[in-house]
C-alpha atoms as a PDB file:
ATOM      1  CA  MET A   1      26.130  11.751  -5.011  1.00  0.00           C
ATOM      2  CA  ILE A   2      24.312  13.210  -2.021  1.00  0.00           C
ATOM      3  CA  ALA A   3      20.726  12.579  -0.967  1.00  0.00           C
ATOM      4  CA  GLU A   4      18.828  15.132   1.068  1.00  0.00           C
ATOM      5  CA  VAL A   5      16.738  13.089   3.484  1.00  0.00           C
ATOM      6  CA  ILE A   6      13.906  14.145   5.740  1.00  0.00           C
ATOM      7  CA  ILE A   7      13.665  12.040   8.895  1.00  0.00           C
ATOM      8  CA  ASN A   8      10.333  10.370   9.615  1.00  0.00           C
ATOM      9  CA  ARG A   9       9.689  12.035  12.947  1.00  0.00           C
ATOM     10  CA  ALA A  10       7.104  14.512  14.166  1.00  0.00           C
ATOM     11  CA  ALA A  11       9.544  16.878  15.933  1.00  0.00           C
ATOM     12  CA  LYS A  12       9.420  20.372  14.410  1.00  0.00           C
ATOM     13  CA  LYS A  13      13.201  20.799  14.640  1.00  0.00           C
ATOM     14  CA  LEU A  14      13.568  17.813  12.277  1.00  0.00           C
ATOM     15  CA  ASN A  15      11.326  19.356   9.641  1.00  0.00           C
ATOM     16  CA  LYS A  16      14.271  19.869   7.284  1.00  0.00           C
ATOM     17  CA  GLY A  17      16.562  17.870   5.040  1.00  0.00           C
ATOM     18  CA  PHE A  18      19.788  16.182   6.159  1.00  0.00           C
ATOM     19  CA  ASP A  19      22.557  15.252   3.732  1.00  0.00           C
ATOM     20  CA  TYR A  20      23.693  11.638   3.326  1.00  0.00           C
ATOM     21  CA  LYS A  21      26.140   9.955   0.983  1.00  0.00           C
ATOM     22  CA  ILE A  22      24.613   7.541  -1.488  1.00  0.00           C
ATOM     23  CA  PRO A  23      26.461   4.188  -1.539  1.00  0.00           C
ATOM     24  CA  LYS A  24      27.738   3.068  -4.947  1.00  0.00           C
ATOM     25  CA  LYS A  25      25.387   0.074  -4.914  1.00  0.00           C
ATOM     26  CA  LEU A  26      22.363   2.382  -4.582  1.00  0.00           C
ATOM     27  CA  GLU A  27      23.358   5.142  -7.017  1.00  0.00           C
ATOM     28  CA  GLU A  28      21.467   3.621  -9.944  1.00  0.00           C
ATOM     29  CA  ILE A  29      18.275   2.830  -8.074  1.00  0.00           C
ATOM     30  CA  ILE A  30      17.810   5.580  -5.502  1.00  0.00           C
ATOM     31  CA  SER A  31      15.588   8.516  -6.463  1.00  0.00           C
ATOM     32  CA  VAL A  32      13.515  11.339  -5.040  1.00  0.00           C
ATOM     33  CA  GLY A  33      10.801   9.538  -3.076  1.00  0.00           C
ATOM     34  CA  SER A  34      12.953   6.624  -1.937  1.00  0.00           C
ATOM     35  CA  LYS A  35      12.323   5.428   1.610  1.00  0.00           C
ATOM     36  CA  VAL A  36      15.689   4.800   3.249  1.00  0.00           C
ATOM     37  CA  LEU A  37      17.225   3.774   6.566  1.00  0.00           C
ATOM     38  CA  VAL A  38      19.918   6.114   7.831  1.00  0.00           C
ATOM     39  CA  PRO A  39      22.092   6.583  10.936  1.00  0.00           C
ATOM     40  CA  PHE A  40      20.931   9.666  12.815  1.00  0.00           C
ATOM     41  CA  GLY A  41      22.361  11.451  15.812  1.00  0.00           C
ATOM     42  CA  ASN A  42      24.310   9.490  18.394  1.00  0.00           C
ATOM     43  CA  GLY A  43      21.876   6.583  18.556  1.00  0.00           C
ATOM     44  CA  LYS A  44      22.797   3.200  17.104  1.00  0.00           C
ATOM     45  CA  LYS A  45      19.264   2.537  15.862  1.00  0.00           C
ATOM     46  CA  LEU A  46      18.660   3.385  12.214  1.00  0.00           C
ATOM     47  CA  GLU A  47      15.991   5.959  11.425  1.00  0.00           C
ATOM     48  CA  GLU A  48      13.534   5.875   8.560  1.00  0.00           C
ATOM     49  CA  GLY A  49      13.647   8.793   6.141  1.00  0.00           C
ATOM     50  CA  PHE A  50      12.579   9.916   2.677  1.00  0.00           C
ATOM     51  CA  VAL A  51      14.774  11.290  -0.081  1.00  0.00           C
ATOM     52  CA  ILE A  52      13.455  14.723  -1.049  1.00  0.00           C
ATOM     53  CA  ARG A  53      16.343  15.870  -3.235  1.00  0.00           C
ATOM     54  CA  LEU A  54      19.441  14.548  -5.042  1.00  0.00           C
ATOM     55  CA  LYS A  55      22.521  16.707  -5.532  1.00  0.00           C
ATOM     56  CA  PRO A  56      26.168  16.278  -6.551  1.00  0.00           C
ATOM     57  CA  ASP A  57      27.709  17.663  -3.355  1.00  0.00           C
ATOM     58  CA  THR A  58      27.043  18.881   0.188  1.00  0.00           C
ATOM     59  CA  ASN A  59      27.711  22.145   1.997  1.00  0.00           C
ATOM     60  CA  TYR A  60      28.342  20.357   5.291  1.00  0.00           C
ATOM     61  CA  GLU A  61      31.794  21.055   6.719  1.00  0.00           C
ATOM     62  CA  PHE A  62      31.881  17.771   8.619  1.00  0.00           C
ATOM     63  CA  GLU A  63      31.896  14.232   7.220  1.00  0.00           C
ATOM     64  CA  VAL A  64      28.550  13.163   5.859  1.00  0.00           C
ATOM     65  CA  LYS A  65      27.135   9.815   6.980  1.00  0.00           C
ATOM     66  CA  GLU A  66      26.090   7.183   4.464  1.00  0.00           C
ATOM     67  CA  ILE A  67      22.635   5.789   3.723  1.00  0.00           C
ATOM     68  CA  ASN A  68      22.372   2.296   5.170  1.00  0.00           C
ATOM     69  CA  SER A  69      19.731   0.746   2.912  1.00  0.00           C
ATOM     70  CA  LEU A  70      16.856   1.413   0.544  1.00  0.00           C
ATOM     71  CA  GLU A  71      13.356   0.143   1.377  1.00  0.00           C
ATOM     72  CA  ASP A  72      10.978   1.247  -1.364  1.00  0.00           C
ATOM     73  CA  ASN A  73       9.998   4.243  -3.472  1.00  0.00           C
ATOM     74  CA  LEU A  74       7.333   6.893  -3.744  1.00  0.00           C
ATOM     75  CA  LYS A  75       6.962   8.999  -6.875  1.00  0.00           C
ATOM     76  CA  GLU A  76       8.649  12.389  -7.127  1.00  0.00           C
ATOM     77  CA  GLU A  77       5.198  13.906  -7.721  1.00  0.00           C
ATOM     78  CA  GLN A  78       4.089  12.581  -4.329  1.00  0.00           C
ATOM     79  CA  ILE A  79       7.077  14.187  -2.606  1.00  0.00           C
ATOM     80  CA  ASN A  80       6.353  17.506  -4.333  1.00  0.00           C
ATOM     81  CA  LEU A  81       2.726  17.269  -3.243  1.00  0.00           C
ATOM     82  CA  ALA A  82       3.809  16.569   0.336  1.00  0.00           C
ATOM     83  CA  LYS A  83       6.072  19.640   0.299  1.00  0.00           C
ATOM     84  CA  TRP A  84       3.199  21.771  -0.983  1.00  0.00           C
ATOM     85  CA  MET A  85       0.837  20.409   1.663  1.00  0.00           C
ATOM     86  CA  ALA A  86       3.348  21.079   4.437  1.00  0.00           C
ATOM     87  CA  LYS A  87       3.746  24.669   3.306  1.00  0.00           C
ATOM     88  CA  ARG A  88       0.027  25.169   2.800  1.00  0.00           C
ATOM     89  CA  TYR A  89      -1.111  23.654   6.094  1.00  0.00           C
ATOM     90  CA  PHE A  90       1.910  24.512   8.280  1.00  0.00           C
ATOM     91  CA  CYS A  91       2.856  20.944   9.173  1.00  0.00           C
ATOM     92  CA  ASN A  92       5.848  18.640   8.887  1.00  0.00           C
ATOM     93  CA  VAL A  93       6.838  17.378   5.456  1.00  0.00           C
ATOM     94  CA  SER A  94       7.319  13.886   6.924  1.00  0.00           C
ATOM     95  CA  ASP A  95       3.693  13.843   8.152  1.00  0.00           C
ATOM     96  CA  CYS A  96       2.481  14.724   4.655  1.00  0.00           C
ATOM     97  CA  ILE A  97       4.728  12.101   3.061  1.00  0.00           C
ATOM     98  CA  LYS A  98       3.209   9.438   5.310  1.00  0.00           C
ATOM     99  CA  LEU A  99      -0.186  10.237   3.777  1.00  0.00           C
ATOM    100  CA  MET A 100       1.222   9.020   0.450  1.00  0.00           C
ATOM    101  CA  LEU A 101       2.046   5.578   1.851  1.00  0.00           C
ATOM    102  CA  THR A 102      -0.286   2.628   1.447  1.00  0.00           C
ATOM    103  CA  PRO A 103      -2.324   1.960   4.612  1.00  0.00           C
ATOM    104  CA  GLY A 104      -0.798  -0.898   6.573  1.00  0.00           C
ATOM    105  CA  THR A 105       2.774  -0.037   5.568  1.00  0.00           C
ATOM    106  CA  ARG A 106       3.314   3.213   7.456  1.00  0.00           C
ATOM    107  CA  THR A 107       4.738   1.862  10.702  1.00  0.00           C
ATOM    108  CA  LYS A 108       8.530   1.927  11.080  1.00  0.00           C
ATOM    109  CA  GLU A 109       8.509  -1.592  12.540  1.00  0.00           C
ATOM    110  CA  LYS A 110       8.517  -4.029   9.607  1.00  0.00           C
ATOM    111  CA  GLU A 111       7.032  -6.895  11.608  1.00  0.00           C
ATOM    112  CA  LYS A 112       3.919  -4.807  12.241  1.00  0.00           C
ATOM    113  CA  ARG A 113       3.371  -3.947   8.583  1.00  0.00           C
ATOM    114  CA  VAL A 114       0.943  -5.789   6.368  1.00  0.00           C
ATOM    115  CA  GLN A 115       2.964  -8.766   5.155  1.00  0.00           C
ATOM    116  CA  ASP A 116       2.612 -11.164   2.268  1.00  0.00           C
ATOM    117  CA  LYS A 117       0.600 -14.192   3.327  1.00  0.00           C
ATOM    118  CA  THR A 118       2.003 -17.693   2.818  1.00  0.00           C
ATOM    119  CA  ILE A 119      -0.325 -20.557   1.974  1.00  0.00           C
ATOM    120  CA  GLU A 120       0.329 -24.272   1.413  1.00  0.00           C
ATOM    121  CA  VAL A 121      -0.950 -25.673  -1.876  1.00  0.00           C
ATOM    122  CA  ILE A 122      -1.083 -29.194  -3.248  1.00  0.00           C
ATOM    123  CA  LEU A 123       0.607 -30.138  -6.529  1.00  0.00           C
ATOM    124  CA  LEU A 124       0.917 -33.404  -8.420  1.00  0.00           C
ATOM    125  CA  ASN A 125       4.333 -34.838  -7.680  1.00  0.00           C
ATOM    126  CA  THR A 126       4.807 -36.882 -10.839  1.00  0.00           C
ATOM    127  CA  LYS A 127       2.999 -37.545 -14.053  1.00  0.00           C
ATOM    128  CA  LEU A 128      -0.063 -39.563 -13.148  1.00  0.00           C
ATOM    129  CA  GLU A 129       0.306 -43.297 -13.976  1.00  0.00           C
ATOM    130  CA  LYS A 130      -3.256 -44.480 -13.523  1.00  0.00           C
ATOM    131  CA  GLU A 131      -2.494 -48.196 -13.940  1.00  0.00           C
ATOM    132  CA  LYS A 132      -0.356 -48.179 -10.773  1.00  0.00           C
ATOM    133  CA  ILE A 133      -3.124 -46.781  -8.573  1.00  0.00           C
ATOM    134  CA  GLY A 134      -5.318 -49.477  -7.049  1.00  0.00           C
ATOM    135  CA  SER A 135      -7.900 -47.316  -5.266  1.00  0.00           C
ATOM    136  CA  LYS A 136     -10.670 -45.832  -7.408  1.00  0.00           C
ATOM    137  CA  ARG A 137     -11.200 -43.028  -4.880  1.00  0.00           C
ATOM    138  CA  GLN A 138      -7.529 -42.107  -4.868  1.00  0.00           C
ATOM    139  CA  LEU A 139      -7.525 -42.073  -8.651  1.00  0.00           C
ATOM    140  CA  GLU A 140     -10.501 -39.682  -8.658  1.00  0.00           C
ATOM    141  CA  ILE A 141      -8.699 -37.346  -6.250  1.00  0.00           C
ATOM    142  CA  LEU A 142      -5.450 -37.435  -8.225  1.00  0.00           C
ATOM    143  CA  SER A 143      -7.226 -36.880 -11.534  1.00  0.00           C
ATOM    144  CA  PHE A 144      -9.013 -33.843 -10.068  1.00  0.00           C
ATOM    145  CA  ILE A 145      -5.762 -32.381  -8.712  1.00  0.00           C
ATOM    146  CA  GLU A 146      -4.050 -32.995 -12.052  1.00  0.00           C
ATOM    147  CA  LYS A 147      -6.570 -30.607 -13.630  1.00  0.00           C
ATOM    148  CA  ASN A 148      -6.783 -28.214 -10.662  1.00  0.00           C
ATOM    149  CA  GLU A 149      -3.297 -27.843  -9.237  1.00  0.00           C
ATOM    150  CA  GLY A 150      -2.604 -25.168  -6.652  1.00  0.00           C
ATOM    151  CA  LEU A 151      -5.570 -25.684  -4.338  1.00  0.00           C
ATOM    152  CA  THR A 152      -5.163 -25.803  -0.574  1.00  0.00           C
ATOM    153  CA  ILE A 153      -6.088 -28.849   1.516  1.00  0.00           C
ATOM    154  CA  PRO A 154      -9.254 -27.166   2.897  1.00  0.00           C
ATOM    155  CA  GLU A 155     -10.322 -26.357  -0.673  1.00  0.00           C
ATOM    156  CA  LEU A 156      -9.717 -29.961  -1.751  1.00  0.00           C
ATOM    157  CA  GLU A 157     -11.626 -31.271   1.247  1.00  0.00           C
ATOM    158  CA  LYS A 158     -14.603 -29.169   0.245  1.00  0.00           C
ATOM    159  CA  GLN A 159     -14.417 -29.814  -3.500  1.00  0.00           C
ATOM    160  CA  LEU A 160     -13.861 -33.563  -3.234  1.00  0.00           C
ATOM    161  CA  ASN A 161     -15.750 -34.289  -0.019  1.00  0.00           C
ATOM    162  CA  THR A 162     -12.649 -35.974   1.317  1.00  0.00           C
ATOM    163  CA  SER A 163     -10.527 -35.714   4.452  1.00  0.00           C
ATOM    164  CA  ARG A 164      -7.171 -34.141   5.266  1.00  0.00           C
ATOM    165  CA  ALA A 165      -5.881 -37.603   6.211  1.00  0.00           C
ATOM    166  CA  THR A 166      -6.600 -38.886   2.690  1.00  0.00           C
ATOM    167  CA  ILE A 167      -4.686 -36.012   1.074  1.00  0.00           C
ATOM    168  CA  ASN A 168      -1.770 -36.443   3.496  1.00  0.00           C
ATOM    169  CA  ASN A 169      -1.706 -40.161   2.728  1.00  0.00           C
ATOM    170  CA  LEU A 170      -1.280 -39.419  -0.987  1.00  0.00           C
ATOM    171  CA  VAL A 171       1.522 -36.998  -0.097  1.00  0.00           C
ATOM    172  CA  GLU A 172       3.267 -39.727   1.939  1.00  0.00           C
ATOM    173  CA  LYS A 173       2.981 -42.144  -0.997  1.00  0.00           C
ATOM    174  CA  GLY A 174       4.696 -39.607  -3.229  1.00  0.00           C
ATOM    175  CA  TYR A 175       1.776 -38.884  -5.523  1.00  0.00           C
ATOM    176  CA  LEU A 176       1.322 -35.324  -4.236  1.00  0.00           C
ATOM    177  CA  ARG A 177       3.558 -32.656  -2.758  1.00  0.00           C
ATOM    178  CA  LYS A 178       2.979 -29.650  -0.568  1.00  0.00           C
ATOM    179  CA  VAL A 179       4.388 -26.323  -1.728  1.00  0.00           C
ATOM    180  CA  LYS A 180       4.371 -22.993   0.116  1.00  0.00           C
ATOM    181  CA  GLN A 181       3.335 -20.011  -1.970  1.00  0.00           C
ATOM    182  CA  LYS A 182       3.194 -16.331  -1.152  1.00  0.00           C
ATOM    183  CA  ILE A 183       0.084 -14.416  -2.026  1.00  0.00           C
ATOM    184  CA  GLU A 184       0.134 -10.646  -2.166  1.00  0.00           C
ATOM    185  CA  ARG A 185      -1.954  -9.030   0.519  1.00  0.00           C
ATOM    186  CA  ASN A 186      -3.384  -5.696  -0.555  1.00  0.00           C
ATOM    187  CA  PRO A 187      -3.986  -3.396   2.450  1.00  0.00           C
ATOM    188  CA  LEU A 188      -6.736  -1.720   0.425  1.00  0.00           C
ATOM    189  CA  ASP A 189      -8.710  -4.923  -0.118  1.00  0.00           C
ATOM    190  CA  GLY A 190     -12.284  -4.482   1.025  1.00  0.00           C
ATOM    191  CA  LYS A 191     -12.041  -0.702   0.951  1.00  0.00           C
ATOM    192  CA  ASP A 192     -13.975   1.340  -1.554  1.00  0.00           C
ATOM    193  CA  ILE A 193     -11.129   3.319  -3.131  1.00  0.00           C
ATOM    194  CA  ASN A 194     -13.166   3.988  -6.277  1.00  0.00           C
ATOM    195  CA  ARG A 195     -16.093   5.572  -4.521  1.00  0.00           C
ATOM    196  CA  ILE A 196     -18.868   6.702  -6.831  1.00  0.00           C
ATOM    197  CA  LEU A 197     -19.338  10.291  -5.776  1.00  0.00           C
ATOM    198  CA  MET A 198     -22.816  10.776  -7.139  1.00  0.00           C
ATOM    199  CA  THR A 199     -24.478   7.735  -5.581  1.00  0.00           C
ATOM    200  CA  GLU A 200     -28.140   6.838  -5.900  1.00  0.00           C
ATOM    201  CA  SER A 201     -28.707   7.758  -2.263  1.00  0.00           C
ATOM    202  CA  ALA A 202     -27.108  11.164  -2.886  1.00  0.00           C
ATOM    203  CA  LYS A 203     -29.411  11.791  -5.840  1.00  0.00           C
ATOM    204  CA  LYS A 204     -32.427  11.255  -3.594  1.00  0.00           C
ATOM    205  CA  LEU A 205     -31.345  13.858  -1.035  1.00  0.00           C
ATOM    206  CA  THR A 206     -33.582  16.884  -0.682  1.00  0.00           C
ATOM    207  CA  LEU A 207     -31.530  20.028  -0.243  1.00  0.00           C
ATOM    208  CA  THR A 208     -32.612  23.037   1.751  1.00  0.00           C
ATOM    209  CA  GLY A 209     -32.910  26.367  -0.019  1.00  0.00           C
ATOM    210  CA  GLU A 210     -29.434  27.475   1.089  1.00  0.00           C
ATOM    211  CA  GLN A 211     -27.905  24.123   0.164  1.00  0.00           C
ATOM    212  CA  GLN A 212     -29.531  24.248  -3.272  1.00  0.00           C
ATOM    213  CA  GLU A 213     -28.188  27.757  -3.844  1.00  0.00           C
ATOM    214  CA  ALA A 214     -24.646  26.636  -2.882  1.00  0.00           C
ATOM    215  CA  TYR A 215     -24.962  23.552  -5.052  1.00  0.00           C
ATOM    216  CA  GLN A 216     -26.122  25.548  -8.063  1.00  0.00           C
ATOM    217  CA  LYS A 217     -23.265  28.068  -7.877  1.00  0.00           C
ATOM    218  CA  ILE A 218     -20.611  25.363  -7.545  1.00  0.00           C
ATOM    219  CA  ASN A 219     -22.178  23.173 -10.222  1.00  0.00           C
ATOM    220  CA  ASP A 220     -22.398  26.097 -12.671  1.00  0.00           C
ATOM    221  CA  SER A 221     -18.695  26.783 -12.178  1.00  0.00           C
ATOM    222  CA  ILE A 222     -17.815  23.114 -12.758  1.00  0.00           C
ATOM    223  CA  THR A 223     -20.051  22.899 -15.839  1.00  0.00           C
ATOM    224  CA  LYS A 224     -18.439  25.981 -17.375  1.00  0.00           C
ATOM    225  CA  ASN A 225     -14.964  24.649 -16.486  1.00  0.00           C
ATOM    226  CA  ILE A 226     -14.227  27.806 -14.470  1.00  0.00           C
ATOM    227  CA  TYR A 227     -11.975  27.559 -11.422  1.00  0.00           C
ATOM    228  CA  ASN A 228     -13.465  29.304  -8.387  1.00  0.00           C
ATOM    229  CA  SER A 229     -13.033  29.055  -4.634  1.00  0.00           C
ATOM    230  CA  PHE A 230     -16.153  28.658  -2.503  1.00  0.00           C
ATOM    231  CA  LEU A 231     -16.547  29.081   1.236  1.00  0.00           C
ATOM    232  CA  LEU A 232     -19.555  27.490   2.919  1.00  0.00           C
ATOM    233  CA  PHE A 233     -20.602  29.140   6.157  1.00  0.00           C
ATOM    234  CA  GLY A 234     -22.585  27.137   8.672  1.00  0.00           C
ATOM    235  CA  VAL A 235     -22.536  25.969  12.267  1.00  0.00           C
ATOM    236  CA  THR A 236     -21.454  22.434  13.156  1.00  0.00           C
ATOM    237  CA  GLY A 237     -24.187  19.973  12.221  1.00  0.00           C
ATOM    238  CA  SER A 238     -25.791  22.159   9.558  1.00  0.00           C
ATOM    239  CA  ARG A 239     -24.996  19.534   6.895  1.00  0.00           C
ATOM    240  CA  LYS A 240     -22.488  21.572   4.854  1.00  0.00           C
ATOM    241  CA  ASN A 241     -20.979  18.353   3.523  1.00  0.00           C
ATOM    242  CA  ARG A 242     -24.278  17.250   2.059  1.00  0.00           C
ATOM    243  CA  SER A 243     -24.109  20.086  -0.465  1.00  0.00           C
ATOM    244  CA  LEU A 244     -20.522  19.316  -1.399  1.00  0.00           C
ATOM    245  CA  PHE A 245     -20.892  15.575  -1.808  1.00  0.00           C
ATOM    246  CA  THR A 246     -23.722  15.955  -4.283  1.00  0.00           C
ATOM    247  CA  VAL A 247     -21.660  18.121  -6.635  1.00  0.00           C
ATOM    248  CA  ASN A 248     -18.323  16.299  -6.413  1.00  0.00           C
END
């Protein structure tokens, strides 16, 4: 099998697909939209690319290089959208594909991407044998952790009004253990990706006569489920967007 790969570079001369062999180990998992690392040109450094097409053979007369590894996948619909955007707006397909990637993961250098965060949590090491514990305070801490495993030391300090030294002492005695856990970091956390288009502030806007006329025509088309194209004419700063945002 052959994968047609577009290299993730801005150069116009690279705005086309290059054929690569698909290794046997990747044949079952590679697809249109896969992000791959491939050898390119005479350089030894691997280049990042995206699979835009799969085919049984190549028309190249020379030996085709092999894909080195698979990183992750986009959907075929996203690749098709990127191709359409590139044709529509006269830009590189690779630039449009990058718009489909999650913010924080677009850089080619993995160490600079948003990574999973590792935290250290406290777990009960053995089943709690209360009769063997002489300190009432230690028993209180252990009983709390038994019911609330997976908290970090700072969280325990706050919840129990205790110190790090006390927790570490219980770890040294073998009652508790520290375990590293990965937590998924979402690059979109804190960002309003489900923006409410008709906000309360938008409803309170007072439109000018021309804005109201534009709004009414667009809104009528939307209400009647009729597809139409609209062109708003206005100089920079004339608040064209205000009309659009209130009808979206």
